Amino acid sequence: MKTAKDIFLKPVSRIKGGVLVKDNKTTFDSVPKSLSVSRVVIPLLQHCTKPASAIVAVGDKVKKGQLIGDAGDATARIHASVSGTVTDISVRKIAPKEKAVCVTIESDGNDEWLETIAPPTVTDAESLIDAVFNAGLAGMGGAGFPTHIKLRSVYEAKAKTLIINSIECEPYITVDYRACIDFGDDIIRCIEALIKHIGFERVLIAEEDKKEKGDEQALIERIEKSEYKDIIKIVRLKPKYATGAEKMLIKALLGISLPEGKLPSDASCMVMNTSTAAAFGNYLLTGRPLVSRCITVAGSAIKEPANIIAPLGALISDIIDFVGGFEAKPYKLIIGGPMMGHAVDSTDYPVTKTTNGILAFAEKMARVKTETSCIRCGKCAEVCPMRIVPTDIYKAATDYGKPDINELVALNAQACILCSCCAYICPAGIPLVKGLDIGKRLVAKAKAKGAGNNGKCKESYDI
C-alpha cells in the first residue's frame, strides 16, 4: 500500500559552495491578509524582457483584471489590479536607477472584476501556453522571465521533468512556504495541467528540510488525491543558501551541471516557482489573471512583520502602513531578500510581479563591514556555488577604472548568479557583488557591440 513516505525522494547530488545563514523567518504562521489601496502605480516593465505598451488612456474607466499593457508574445501582459479610473500614464522611477512607463489608477473602491473573465478552455499544449500568456504570468521568484516563453521552450525541447521550486532560501521571506499551505490546490492544479498537456513525465517539488515547517502536509494530502500521484514527488534539501538558485537546484535534483549559456531545457527540465504555479492554478480555475501577489514584510524596523496579498502597483508606503508602520527608524529598505534583493531610497516605489519581500532594518541591523584590503583568504571562491573566483573578477571589473573585458571573459564572469555568498563571507567587507554585477554587464555589452580597444572597456563604474 502506498504511504506518505513514498512521496519523498532524496536529492541525487550535493551542491558545492553556499553559506549557512540565519533564516530570521518570523512570518511562518502569518496567514496572508489582503490589502486594499486607493491608488496603484502599475509599471509596464515588470519582467526581464521588453516592456509592455499601454493600451488604455488617461480618463478610461477600467475593471480589475482588464488588460492595460501588451506587447505581443515578446513579453508578459499587464492587467489592472483595481477597478477605477486611469489618471496618469507617464515615465517614473520604479527603482533607484530604473524608470518605466507606469499606469496610475485611482481605485473606485468597488474592486470590481471585468465581466468577461472566465476560466480558460485548455485542450492541448498550444491552448495551455496561450492560457499562461493571457494570465500575464512571469517568474515570481527571480528575474521575472515571461512564463509562456519559458514553457514554449521546454515544450519544444520535450522536457521530461518539472521542478517546482519551494526552497525559498533567502532569509526572512516566507511567501512560497505560505503558498504551499494556503494555495496547495492551485499548485497541484497547475502541475496536473502541465503534466497532461506539456508531457512532463515526473514532477519534483523541492523544499528545505526543516522540522518546524509544515508546508508539505498540505501538499501531501492534495498529491494523494491526484491522478498523477505516482509521478509527483517531494524532495527535501538541507537548508543552505543558495540552494534555491535554478542551476543549483538542477544539480541537486538531477545531478546535471548546466554550463554558462545553457538553459534548463538543455537538461530536459523546467523550473517553476511555487508562487507562479499557484497563480496559474488559480487562473485555470477562475480565469483571473495575475494582478496581486503575496509579499513578506519583515525586518527589525517593521512593527508587525506579516505576509500580505498586495495589488500589483501598490506603493511600499501603503504596504508598510498596513502592517503597523515602522517600529524604529529604517536605515535600510530592501525589495526582495537580504542576499539578492535591492536597497531602495524611498517608500514611493510600486511593487511588481517579482516583489516577494519588503524588508526594513534599524541602524544596528543595517550596518555593513568597513572595507579593508583583500587578504587573499580564498573564502569567496570556497563558497561560490558557480565555482568561479569572485575577487579576481572584481579586480578585472574595477581595477583602476579600466575594466579588462578579455580577463572577465577568461574568468567566466558571466557565470556569476549574483547570489551574494562571496560578499557575505568576505572578512574584508569588499563589495564583491557590485563588482561582479559590473563585470557581467560589461561582458554582456561587449559581446553585443564588440569590446574594442584590445579588450579594454572604455566605460568604468563607481562602486
Protein backbone atom coordinates (compact mmCIF):
# COMPACT_ATOMS: atom_id res chain seq x y z
CA MET A 1 0.00 0.00 0.00
CA LYS A 2 1.28 3.46 -0.91
CA THR A 3 2.21 5.62 2.10
CA ALA A 4 3.17 9.26 2.56
CA LYS A 5 6.82 8.18 2.67
CA ASP A 6 6.55 7.07 -0.95
CA ILE A 7 6.07 10.70 -1.93
CA PHE A 8 9.55 11.69 -0.78
CA LEU A 9 12.79 11.34 -2.72
CA LYS A 10 16.36 12.14 -1.73
CA PRO A 11 18.48 14.59 -3.73
CA VAL A 12 20.88 12.87 -6.13
CA SER A 13 23.81 15.25 -5.75
CA ARG A 14 25.42 17.51 -3.18
CA ILE A 15 25.86 21.17 -4.01
CA LYS A 16 29.32 22.64 -3.61
CA GLY A 17 29.67 26.08 -2.12
CA GLY A 18 26.96 28.14 -0.49
CA VAL A 19 26.71 29.54 3.03
CA LEU A 20 24.70 28.90 6.16
CA VAL A 21 22.74 31.99 7.11
CA LYS A 22 20.33 32.66 9.96
CA ASP A 23 16.92 32.50 8.32
CA ASN A 24 15.09 35.01 10.55
CA LYS A 25 11.78 33.70 9.20
CA THR A 26 9.34 35.08 11.76
CA THR A 27 6.28 35.00 9.50
CA PHE A 28 5.79 31.24 9.03
CA ASP A 29 2.46 31.46 10.86
CA SER A 30 1.33 34.70 9.22
CA VAL A 31 -1.70 33.83 7.09
CA PRO A 32 -1.68 36.35 4.21
CA LYS A 33 -4.16 39.22 4.56
CA SER A 34 -5.39 41.19 1.55
CA LEU A 35 -4.52 44.86 1.22
CA SER A 36 -6.84 47.41 -0.41
CA VAL A 37 -5.39 50.71 -1.65
CA SER A 38 -6.83 53.92 -3.05
CA ARG A 39 -4.30 54.13 -5.89
CA VAL A 40 -1.95 51.85 -7.78
CA VAL A 41 1.01 52.77 -9.97
CA ILE A 42 1.49 49.81 -12.31
CA PRO A 43 4.81 49.64 -14.18
CA LEU A 44 4.61 48.33 -17.74
CA LEU A 45 8.06 46.84 -17.18
CA GLN A 46 7.79 44.01 -14.66
CA HIS A 47 9.84 41.40 -16.49
CA CYS A 48 13.34 40.80 -17.79
CA THR A 49 12.21 41.22 -21.42
CA LYS A 50 10.86 44.26 -23.31
CA PRO A 51 8.25 46.47 -21.61
CA ALA A 52 4.58 46.32 -22.49
CA SER A 53 2.82 49.27 -24.15
CA ALA A 54 -0.20 50.97 -22.63
CA ILE A 55 -3.48 50.12 -24.37
CA VAL A 56 -5.56 52.41 -22.15
CA ALA A 57 -5.68 56.20 -21.97
CA VAL A 58 -5.97 58.78 -19.22
CA GLY A 59 -9.62 59.08 -18.24
CA ASP A 60 -10.51 55.48 -19.12
CA LYS A 61 -12.61 53.51 -16.66
CA VAL A 62 -11.12 50.07 -16.04
CA LYS A 63 -12.16 46.94 -14.23
CA LYS A 64 -9.96 44.67 -12.18
CA GLY A 65 -8.31 42.10 -14.44
CA GLN A 66 -8.67 44.26 -17.56
CA LEU A 67 -5.71 44.25 -19.95
CA ILE A 68 -3.86 47.58 -19.74
CA GLY A 69 -0.43 46.71 -21.15
CA ASP A 70 0.53 44.48 -24.05
CA ALA A 71 3.45 43.95 -26.43
CA GLY A 72 2.53 40.73 -28.15
CA ASP A 73 4.22 37.43 -27.49
CA ALA A 74 7.55 39.02 -26.55
CA THR A 75 6.58 39.98 -23.01
CA ALA A 76 4.09 39.24 -20.25
CA ARG A 77 0.76 41.02 -20.29
CA ILE A 78 -0.15 43.61 -17.64
CA HIS A 79 -3.64 43.85 -16.12
CA ALA A 80 -5.40 46.36 -13.89
CA SER A 81 -5.12 45.36 -10.24
CA VAL A 82 -8.05 47.52 -9.09
CA SER A 83 -11.20 48.90 -10.68
CA GLY A 84 -11.29 52.65 -11.17
CA THR A 85 -10.07 55.46 -13.43
CA VAL A 86 -6.76 55.83 -15.24
CA THR A 87 -5.40 59.18 -14.03
CA ASP A 88 -1.86 59.17 -15.40
CA ILE A 89 0.38 57.37 -17.87
CA SER A 90 3.95 58.56 -17.62
CA VAL A 91 7.56 57.60 -17.08
CA ARG A 92 8.52 57.45 -13.42
CA LYS A 93 11.12 55.83 -11.21
CA ILE A 94 10.33 52.26 -10.20
CA ALA A 95 13.71 51.71 -8.51
CA PRO A 96 16.63 54.00 -7.60
CA LYS A 97 18.27 53.58 -11.03
CA GLU A 98 15.37 52.39 -13.14
CA LYS A 99 12.49 54.14 -14.87
CA ALA A 100 9.49 52.79 -16.74
CA VAL A 101 6.15 53.89 -18.13
CA CYS A 102 3.57 53.44 -15.38
CA VAL A 103 -0.22 53.42 -15.47
CA THR A 104 -1.76 55.10 -12.44
CA ILE A 105 -5.28 54.02 -11.49
CA GLU A 106 -7.39 55.69 -8.81
CA SER A 107 -9.49 52.96 -7.24
CA ASP A 108 -13.26 53.36 -7.08
CA GLY A 109 -13.31 51.15 -4.01
CA ASN A 110 -15.55 48.55 -5.67
CA ASP A 111 -12.83 46.03 -6.52
CA GLU A 112 -14.99 45.00 -9.48
CA TRP A 113 -13.66 42.31 -11.82
CA LEU A 114 -14.04 42.51 -15.59
CA GLU A 115 -17.35 40.87 -16.54
CA THR A 116 -15.89 38.79 -19.37
CA ILE A 117 -13.41 36.96 -17.15
CA ALA A 118 -13.94 33.19 -17.30
CA PRO A 119 -11.82 30.05 -16.85
CA PRO A 120 -9.79 29.26 -19.99
CA THR A 121 -10.54 26.31 -22.24
CA VAL A 122 -7.39 24.19 -22.29
CA THR A 123 -7.32 21.16 -24.58
CA ASP A 124 -3.70 20.85 -25.69
CA ALA A 125 -0.22 22.34 -25.32
CA GLU A 126 -0.93 25.38 -27.51
CA SER A 127 -4.06 26.36 -25.62
CA LEU A 128 -2.21 25.85 -22.33
CA ILE A 129 0.63 28.15 -23.41
CA ASP A 130 -1.97 30.68 -24.58
CA ALA A 131 -3.60 30.48 -21.15
CA VAL A 132 -0.27 31.19 -19.44
CA PHE A 133 0.21 34.17 -21.78
CA ASN A 134 -3.27 35.55 -21.12
CA ALA A 135 -2.76 35.16 -17.37
CA GLY A 136 0.17 37.59 -17.53
CA LEU A 137 2.47 35.17 -15.76
CA ALA A 138 6.15 35.82 -15.18
CA GLY A 139 8.56 34.15 -12.79
CA MET A 140 7.60 35.36 -9.32
CA GLY A 141 10.74 34.17 -7.56
CA GLY A 142 13.54 35.55 -9.74
CA ALA A 143 14.11 37.88 -12.67
CA GLY A 144 10.52 37.70 -13.90
CA PHE A 145 11.03 35.88 -17.18
CA PRO A 146 7.68 35.55 -19.02
CA THR A 147 6.38 32.07 -18.23
CA HIS A 148 4.78 31.44 -21.62
CA ILE A 149 8.13 31.91 -23.37
CA LYS A 150 9.85 29.51 -20.97
CA LEU A 151 7.02 27.00 -21.30
CA ARG A 152 7.12 27.02 -25.10
CA SER A 153 10.86 26.43 -24.99
CA VAL A 154 10.59 23.37 -22.75
CA TYR A 155 7.64 22.02 -24.75
CA GLU A 156 9.59 22.23 -28.00
CA ALA A 157 12.57 20.61 -26.25
CA LYS A 158 10.27 17.82 -25.00
CA ALA A 159 11.47 18.29 -21.43
CA LYS A 160 10.65 15.39 -19.13
CA THR A 161 10.98 16.85 -15.63
CA LEU A 162 9.10 19.70 -13.97
CA ILE A 163 10.72 21.16 -10.85
CA ILE A 164 8.56 23.25 -8.53
CA ASN A 165 10.95 25.46 -6.57
CA SER A 166 9.78 25.95 -2.99
CA ILE A 167 13.25 26.19 -1.46
CA GLU A 168 13.00 29.89 -0.55
CA CYS A 169 16.49 30.01 0.97
CA GLU A 170 16.52 33.82 1.28
CA PRO A 171 16.28 34.87 4.95
CA TYR A 172 13.01 36.44 6.14
CA ILE A 173 10.91 35.52 3.07
CA THR A 174 8.05 33.02 3.62
CA VAL A 175 5.69 33.59 0.68
CA ASP A 176 6.35 30.24 -1.01
CA TYR A 177 6.04 28.46 2.31
CA ARG A 178 2.61 30.04 2.76
CA ALA A 179 1.67 29.23 -0.84
CA CYS A 180 2.19 25.52 -0.15
CA ILE A 181 -0.14 25.74 2.84
CA ASP A 182 -2.76 28.19 1.62
CA PHE A 183 -2.82 27.51 -2.13
CA GLY A 184 -1.92 23.83 -2.38
CA ASP A 185 -4.95 23.08 -4.55
CA ASP A 186 -3.88 25.74 -7.05
CA ILE A 187 -0.30 24.42 -7.15
CA ILE A 188 -1.38 20.85 -7.85
CA ARG A 189 -3.97 22.03 -10.42
CA CYS A 190 -1.14 23.76 -12.28
CA ILE A 191 1.07 20.68 -12.05
CA GLU A 192 -1.69 18.41 -13.35
CA ALA A 193 -2.31 20.66 -16.35
CA LEU A 194 1.39 20.78 -17.20
CA ILE A 195 1.71 17.00 -16.97
CA LYS A 196 -1.35 16.45 -19.13
CA HIS A 197 -0.66 18.95 -21.89
CA ILE A 198 3.10 19.57 -21.90
CA GLY A 199 4.03 15.95 -21.31
CA PHE A 200 6.19 16.05 -18.19
CA GLU A 201 6.92 12.53 -17.01
CA ARG A 202 7.79 13.44 -13.43
CA VAL A 203 7.42 16.38 -11.07
CA LEU A 204 9.81 17.19 -8.25
CA ILE A 205 8.65 19.66 -5.60
CA ALA A 206 11.80 20.95 -3.90
CA GLU A 207 11.67 22.30 -0.37
CA GLU A 208 14.02 22.92 2.54
CA ASP A 209 14.22 20.15 5.14
CA LYS A 210 13.09 21.99 8.26
CA LYS A 211 11.27 20.17 11.01
CA GLU A 212 9.43 23.29 12.13
CA LYS A 213 7.90 23.71 8.70
CA GLY A 214 4.57 22.07 7.93
CA ASP A 215 4.09 23.13 4.34
CA GLU A 216 4.49 19.63 2.93
CA GLN A 217 1.47 18.21 4.78
CA ALA A 218 -1.00 20.32 2.85
CA LEU A 219 0.68 19.26 -0.37
CA ILE A 220 0.84 15.58 0.59
CA GLU A 221 -2.90 15.46 1.11
CA ARG A 222 -3.53 17.09 -2.26
CA ILE A 223 -0.94 14.97 -4.09
CA GLU A 224 -2.54 11.77 -2.80
CA LYS A 225 -5.82 12.80 -4.42
CA SER A 226 -4.22 13.47 -7.81
CA GLU A 227 -4.48 11.06 -10.72
CA TYR A 228 -0.78 11.75 -11.25
CA LYS A 229 0.26 11.00 -7.66
CA ASP A 230 2.74 8.32 -8.75
CA ILE A 231 4.94 10.81 -10.61
CA ILE A 232 4.71 13.78 -8.22
CA LYS A 233 7.44 13.67 -5.58
CA ILE A 234 8.72 15.96 -2.82
CA VAL A 235 12.49 16.37 -2.41
CA ARG A 236 13.84 17.84 0.81
CA LEU A 237 17.17 19.64 0.67
CA LYS A 238 19.27 20.61 3.66
CA PRO A 239 18.99 24.33 4.46
CA LYS A 240 21.84 26.10 2.74
CA TYR A 241 21.96 29.30 0.77
CA ALA A 242 21.85 29.46 -2.35
CA THR A 243 20.32 26.02 -2.89
CA GLY A 244 17.22 27.59 -4.43
CA ALA A 245 19.11 29.07 -7.38
CA GLU A 246 17.96 27.43 -10.60
CA LYS A 247 21.24 25.83 -11.62
CA MET A 248 21.97 24.69 -8.06
CA LEU A 249 18.57 23.07 -7.85
CA ILE A 250 19.01 21.21 -11.13
CA LYS A 251 22.39 19.94 -9.92
CA ALA A 252 20.93 18.72 -6.61
CA LEU A 253 17.82 17.10 -8.05
CA LEU A 254 19.04 15.78 -11.39
CA GLY A 255 22.80 15.62 -10.94
CA ILE A 256 23.29 17.77 -14.05
CA SER A 257 25.67 20.75 -14.12
CA LEU A 258 24.49 23.37 -16.59
CA PRO A 259 27.37 25.32 -18.18
CA GLU A 260 27.14 29.06 -18.75
CA GLY A 261 24.76 29.83 -21.60
CA LYS A 262 22.73 26.65 -21.23
CA LEU A 263 19.08 26.60 -20.13
CA PRO A 264 17.10 24.13 -18.01
CA SER A 265 15.54 22.81 -21.22
CA ASP A 266 19.04 21.60 -22.14
CA ALA A 267 18.76 19.36 -19.06
CA SER A 268 15.28 18.26 -20.17
CA CYS A 269 13.60 20.11 -17.33
CA MET A 270 11.71 23.25 -16.39
CA VAL A 271 11.93 25.09 -13.06
CA MET A 272 8.84 26.95 -11.87
CA ASN A 273 8.50 28.98 -8.70
CA THR A 274 5.81 27.87 -6.24
CA SER A 275 4.01 31.22 -6.30
CA THR A 276 3.97 31.18 -10.11
CA ALA A 277 2.45 27.70 -10.07
CA ALA A 278 -0.19 28.82 -7.57
CA ALA A 279 -1.06 31.86 -9.70
CA PHE A 280 -1.54 29.73 -12.81
CA GLY A 281 -3.56 27.14 -10.94
CA ASN A 282 -5.88 29.90 -9.79
CA TYR A 283 -6.17 31.23 -13.35
CA LEU A 284 -7.17 27.78 -14.61
CA LEU A 285 -9.96 27.71 -12.03
CA THR A 286 -11.19 31.31 -12.19
CA GLY A 287 -9.80 32.96 -15.33
CA ARG A 288 -8.45 35.78 -13.16
CA PRO A 289 -5.04 36.99 -14.37
CA LEU A 290 -2.09 37.85 -12.15
CA VAL A 291 -2.98 41.17 -10.51
CA SER A 292 -1.73 40.65 -6.95
CA ARG A 293 0.86 38.66 -5.07
CA CYS A 294 1.90 37.59 -1.60
CA ILE A 295 4.70 39.66 -0.05
CA THR A 296 6.61 39.15 3.20
CA VAL A 297 7.03 42.41 5.13
CA ALA A 298 9.67 41.98 7.83
CA GLY A 299 12.90 43.23 9.37
CA SER A 300 13.95 44.83 12.64
CA ALA A 301 12.34 48.18 11.75
CA ILE A 302 8.90 46.72 10.96
CA LYS A 303 6.36 46.91 13.77
CA GLU A 304 4.25 43.89 12.86
CA PRO A 305 6.01 41.54 10.38
CA ALA A 306 3.46 39.73 8.23
CA ASN A 307 2.61 38.20 4.88
CA ILE A 308 0.16 40.24 2.85
CA ILE A 309 -1.50 39.95 -0.54
CA ALA A 310 -0.98 43.27 -2.28
CA PRO A 311 -2.32 44.50 -5.63
CA LEU A 312 0.43 44.98 -8.19
CA GLY A 313 1.33 48.66 -8.27
CA ALA A 314 0.65 49.24 -4.57
CA LEU A 315 3.25 51.57 -3.09
CA ILE A 316 5.69 50.37 -0.44
CA SER A 317 4.39 53.10 1.88
CA ASP A 318 0.84 51.70 1.75
CA ILE A 319 2.11 48.21 2.48
CA ILE A 320 4.20 49.28 5.47
CA ASP A 321 1.28 51.28 6.88
CA PHE A 322 -0.88 48.16 6.56
CA VAL A 323 1.43 46.21 8.90
CA GLY A 324 1.52 48.93 11.54
CA GLY A 325 4.30 51.12 10.21
CA PHE A 326 7.89 51.29 11.41
CA GLU A 327 8.98 50.08 14.83
CA ALA A 328 12.18 52.09 14.54
CA LYS A 329 13.78 54.46 12.07
CA PRO A 330 14.61 52.44 8.93
CA TYR A 331 18.27 52.73 7.97
CA LYS A 332 17.97 50.28 5.11
CA LEU A 333 14.96 49.36 2.99
CA ILE A 334 15.22 46.33 0.71
CA ILE A 335 12.95 45.00 -2.01
CA GLY A 336 13.33 41.22 -2.04
CA GLY A 337 15.58 39.26 0.29
CA PRO A 338 18.70 40.50 2.10
CA MET A 339 21.02 38.42 -0.10
CA MET A 340 19.75 39.11 -3.63
CA GLY A 341 17.32 41.96 -3.05
CA HIS A 342 17.91 45.62 -3.89
CA ALA A 343 18.18 48.53 -1.48
CA VAL A 344 15.82 51.40 -2.26
CA ASP A 345 15.86 55.01 -1.11
CA SER A 346 12.14 55.65 -0.82
CA THR A 347 8.81 54.06 0.08
CA ASP A 348 7.23 55.59 -3.04
CA TYR A 349 8.16 52.70 -5.34
CA PRO A 350 5.47 50.27 -6.53
CA VAL A 351 5.54 46.51 -6.07
CA THR A 352 5.62 44.26 -9.12
CA LYS A 353 5.19 40.60 -10.05
CA THR A 354 8.70 39.82 -8.79
CA THR A 355 8.40 41.55 -5.39
CA ASN A 356 8.44 38.76 -2.83
CA GLY A 357 9.61 40.79 0.13
CA ILE A 358 9.85 44.25 1.66
CA LEU A 359 12.45 44.41 4.43
CA ALA A 360 13.26 47.36 6.67
CA PHE A 361 16.16 47.34 9.12
CA ALA A 362 17.02 49.56 12.07
CA GLU A 363 20.52 51.01 12.38
CA LYS A 364 22.15 48.08 14.21
CA MET A 365 20.99 45.52 11.64
CA ALA A 366 21.77 47.83 8.71
CA ARG A 367 25.44 48.30 9.47
CA VAL A 368 27.93 46.98 6.94
CA LYS A 369 31.54 45.97 7.43
CA THR A 370 34.20 48.60 6.95
CA GLU A 371 36.01 47.76 3.74
CA THR A 372 39.67 46.81 4.03
CA SER A 373 42.17 45.28 1.63
CA CYS A 374 41.73 41.75 0.33
CA ILE A 375 43.74 39.27 2.41
CA ARG A 376 43.62 36.54 -0.29
CA CYS A 377 41.96 34.10 2.11
CA GLY A 378 40.06 32.38 -0.70
CA LYS A 379 36.79 32.19 1.22
CA CYS A 380 34.85 33.84 -1.61
CA ALA A 381 35.94 31.14 -4.05
CA GLU A 382 35.26 28.42 -1.48
CA VAL A 383 31.60 29.40 -1.03
CA CYS A 384 30.87 30.31 -4.66
CA PRO A 385 28.29 27.82 -5.96
CA MET A 386 29.33 28.55 -9.55
CA ARG A 387 32.98 27.68 -8.79
CA ILE A 388 34.43 30.95 -10.04
CA VAL A 389 36.84 33.32 -8.24
CA PRO A 390 34.88 36.43 -7.23
CA THR A 391 37.84 38.50 -6.05
CA ASP A 392 39.66 38.11 -9.39
CA ILE A 393 36.52 39.05 -11.33
CA TYR A 394 36.00 42.03 -9.03
CA LYS A 395 39.52 43.25 -9.75
CA ALA A 396 39.17 42.76 -13.51
CA ALA A 397 35.91 44.71 -13.48
CA THR A 398 37.00 47.63 -11.33
CA ASP A 399 40.80 47.86 -11.33
CA TYR A 400 41.93 51.44 -11.82
CA GLY A 401 38.74 52.33 -13.67
CA LYS A 402 39.82 50.29 -16.72
CA PRO A 403 37.88 47.03 -16.80
CA ASP A 404 39.54 44.22 -18.76
CA ILE A 405 36.88 42.51 -20.89
CA ASN A 406 39.16 39.72 -22.07
CA GLU A 407 40.09 38.89 -18.49
CA LEU A 408 36.44 38.97 -17.42
CA VAL A 409 35.56 36.51 -20.17
CA ALA A 410 38.50 34.27 -19.25
CA LEU A 411 37.39 34.31 -15.60
CA ASN A 412 33.86 33.30 -16.65
CA ALA A 413 32.28 36.39 -15.10
CA GLN A 414 29.01 35.69 -16.88
CA ALA A 415 28.54 32.51 -14.83
CA CYS A 416 28.00 34.56 -11.66
CA ILE A 417 24.42 34.39 -10.37
CA LEU A 418 24.84 37.38 -8.00
CA CYS A 419 23.86 35.26 -5.01
CA SER A 420 26.00 37.34 -2.58
CA CYS A 421 27.63 34.33 -0.91
CA CYS A 422 31.04 35.88 -1.56
CA ALA A 423 30.15 39.27 -0.09
CA TYR A 424 28.51 37.60 2.91
CA ILE A 425 31.64 35.61 3.79
CA CYS A 426 34.28 38.24 2.91
CA PRO A 427 36.21 39.24 6.08
CA ALA A 428 37.46 42.39 4.34
CA GLY A 429 33.98 43.75 3.66
CA ILE A 430 34.70 44.19 -0.06
CA PRO A 431 31.53 44.92 -2.11
CA LEU A 432 32.19 41.95 -4.35
CA VAL A 433 28.66 41.66 -5.72
CA LYS A 434 28.70 45.21 -7.03
CA GLY A 435 31.91 44.49 -8.90
CA LEU A 436 30.62 41.16 -10.18
CA ASP A 437 27.45 42.83 -11.43
CA ILE A 438 29.54 45.41 -13.24
CA GLY A 439 31.64 42.65 -14.78
CA LYS A 440 28.60 40.74 -16.01
CA ARG A 441 27.08 43.85 -17.58
CA LEU A 442 30.35 44.83 -19.23
CA VAL A 443 30.81 41.39 -20.77
CA ALA A 444 27.21 41.34 -21.99
CA LYS A 445 27.61 44.78 -23.57
CA ALA A 446 30.95 43.85 -25.11
CA LYS A 447 29.51 40.71 -26.67
CA ALA A 448 26.68 42.77 -28.13
CA LYS A 449 28.83 45.59 -29.50
CA GLY A 450 32.40 44.25 -29.62
CA ALA A 451 34.91 45.07 -26.91
CA GLY A 452 37.29 47.13 -28.98
CA ASN A 453 40.37 48.85 -27.55
CA ASN A 454 42.18 45.49 -27.32
CA GLY A 455 39.76 44.18 -24.75
CA LYS A 456 39.90 47.28 -22.58
CA CYS A 457 36.46 48.70 -21.95
CA LYS A 458 36.05 52.45 -22.34
CA GLU A 459 33.44 52.53 -19.59
CA SER A 460 34.02 52.45 -15.87
CA TYR A 461 31.67 52.38 -12.92
CA ASP A 462 31.82 53.87 -9.46
CA ILE A 463 31.15 51.35 -6.71
